[in-house]
């Protein structure tokens, strides 16, 4: 049986149908991880760009009017 490490606490978790929280070891660890995403402690890397350089952006929340 394949095992993985819980991303939150590092405990070994069986990777099968009987592990309802996989890859987490428990609902608690799953919710801790979710809270880190909501709190923006975790985020996906993105390339920073200037909003003014974005085509069609006028800085007012709408498209440029010509």
C-alpha atoms as a PDB file:
ATOM      1  CA  UNK A   1       0.000   0.000   0.000  1.00  0.00           C
ATOM      2  CA  UNK A   2       1.330   3.416  -0.988  1.00  0.00           C
ATOM      3  CA  UNK A   3       1.843   5.947   1.800  1.00  0.00           C
ATOM      4  CA  UNK A   4       2.331   9.708   1.639  1.00  0.00           C
ATOM      5  CA  UNK A   5       3.194  12.312   4.249  1.00  0.00           C
ATOM      6  CA  UNK A   6       0.482  14.628   5.519  1.00  0.00           C
ATOM      7  CA  UNK A   7       1.377  18.098   4.160  1.00  0.00           C
ATOM      8  CA  UNK A   8       0.428  19.719   7.476  1.00  0.00           C
ATOM      9  CA  UNK A   9       1.934  17.527  10.204  1.00  0.00           C
ATOM     10  CA  UNK A  10       4.113  15.021   8.325  1.00  0.00           C
ATOM     11  CA  UNK A  11       2.315  11.909   9.632  1.00  0.00           C
ATOM     12  CA  UNK A  12       2.235   8.913   7.259  1.00  0.00           C
ATOM     13  CA  UNK A  13      -1.110   8.458   5.477  1.00  0.00           C
ATOM     14  CA  UNK A  14      -2.260   5.470   3.442  1.00  0.00           C
ATOM     15  CA  UNK A  15      -3.148   6.531  -0.101  1.00  0.00           C
ATOM     16  CA  UNK A  16      -6.279   4.463  -0.668  1.00  0.00           C
ATOM     17  CA  UNK A  17     -10.091   4.607  -0.638  1.00  0.00           C
ATOM     18  CA  UNK A  18     -10.161   4.113   3.149  1.00  0.00           C
ATOM     19  CA  UNK A  19      -8.365   7.429   3.793  1.00  0.00           C
ATOM     20  CA  UNK A  20     -11.109  10.054   3.407  1.00  0.00           C
ATOM     21  CA  UNK A  21      -8.851  13.077   4.100  1.00  0.00           C
ATOM     22  CA  UNK A  22      -5.942  12.088   1.863  1.00  0.00           C
ATOM     23  CA  UNK A  23      -3.376  13.521   1.430  1.00  0.00           C
ATOM     24  CA  UNK A  24      -4.092  14.799   4.954  1.00  0.00           C
ATOM     25  CA  UNK A  25      -4.185  12.527   7.993  1.00  0.00           C
ATOM     26  CA  UNK A  26      -7.313  14.127   9.458  1.00  0.00           C
ATOM     27  CA  UNK A  27     -10.011  16.733   8.928  1.00  0.00           C
ATOM     28  CA  UNK A  28      -8.118  18.962  11.379  1.00  0.00           C
ATOM     29  CA  UNK A  29      -4.968  18.983   9.211  1.00  0.00           C
ATOM     30  CA  UNK A  30      -7.091  19.591   6.115  1.00  0.00           C
ATOM     31  CA  UNK A  31      -8.751  22.620   7.746  1.00  0.00           C
ATOM     32  CA  UNK A  32      -5.416  23.994   8.980  1.00  0.00           C
ATOM     33  CA  UNK A  33      -4.131  23.871   5.402  1.00  0.00           C
ATOM     34  CA  UNK A  34      -7.305  25.499   4.063  1.00  0.00           C
ATOM     35  CA  UNK A  35      -6.959  28.281   6.642  1.00  0.00           C
ATOM     36  CA  UNK A  36      -3.389  28.946   5.483  1.00  0.00           C
ATOM     37  CA  UNK A  37      -4.649  29.408   1.911  1.00  0.00           C
ATOM     38  CA  UNK A  38      -7.493  31.711   3.028  1.00  0.00           C
ATOM     39  CA  UNK A  39      -5.093  33.712   5.182  1.00  0.00           C
ATOM     40  CA  UNK A  40      -2.791  34.060   2.154  1.00  0.00           C
ATOM     41  CA  UNK A  41       0.084  32.399   4.026  1.00  0.00           C
ATOM     42  CA  UNK A  42       0.216  30.075   1.005  1.00  0.00           C
ATOM     43  CA  UNK A  43      -0.246  31.202  -2.559  1.00  0.00           C
ATOM     44  CA  UNK A  44       0.614  30.182  -6.077  1.00  0.00           C
ATOM     45  CA  UNK A  45       3.547  32.035  -7.604  1.00  0.00           C
ATOM     46  CA  UNK A  46       2.555  34.515 -10.292  1.00  0.00           C
ATOM     47  CA  UNK A  47       4.487  36.831 -12.499  1.00  0.00           C
ATOM     48  CA  UNK A  48       4.046  40.388 -11.249  1.00  0.00           C
ATOM     49  CA  UNK A  49       2.879  42.842 -13.910  1.00  0.00           C
ATOM     50  CA  UNK A  50       1.860  46.449 -13.806  1.00  0.00           C
ATOM     51  CA  UNK A  51      -1.911  46.823 -14.129  1.00  0.00           C
ATOM     52  CA  UNK A  52      -1.386  49.795 -16.444  1.00  0.00           C
ATOM     53  CA  UNK A  53       0.491  47.501 -18.842  1.00  0.00           C
ATOM     54  CA  UNK A  54      -2.462  45.120 -19.083  1.00  0.00           C
ATOM     55  CA  UNK A  55      -4.199  45.636 -22.396  1.00  0.00           C
ATOM     56  CA  UNK A  56      -7.628  47.237 -21.958  1.00  0.00           C
ATOM     57  CA  UNK A  57      -7.085  48.253 -18.317  1.00  0.00           C
ATOM     58  CA  UNK A  58      -7.731  51.881 -17.371  1.00  0.00           C
ATOM     59  CA  UNK A  59      -7.193  51.600 -13.616  1.00  0.00           C
ATOM     60  CA  UNK A  60     -10.875  52.323 -12.916  1.00  0.00           C
ATOM     61  CA  UNK A  61     -12.117  48.742 -13.122  1.00  0.00           C
ATOM     62  CA  UNK A  62     -13.293  49.048 -16.715  1.00  0.00           C
ATOM     63  CA  UNK A  63     -11.962  49.189 -20.227  1.00  0.00           C
ATOM     64  CA  UNK A  64     -10.423  52.255 -21.828  1.00  0.00           C
ATOM     65  CA  UNK A  65     -12.886  54.482 -23.648  1.00  0.00           C
ATOM     66  CA  UNK A  66     -11.573  56.064 -26.820  1.00  0.00           C
END
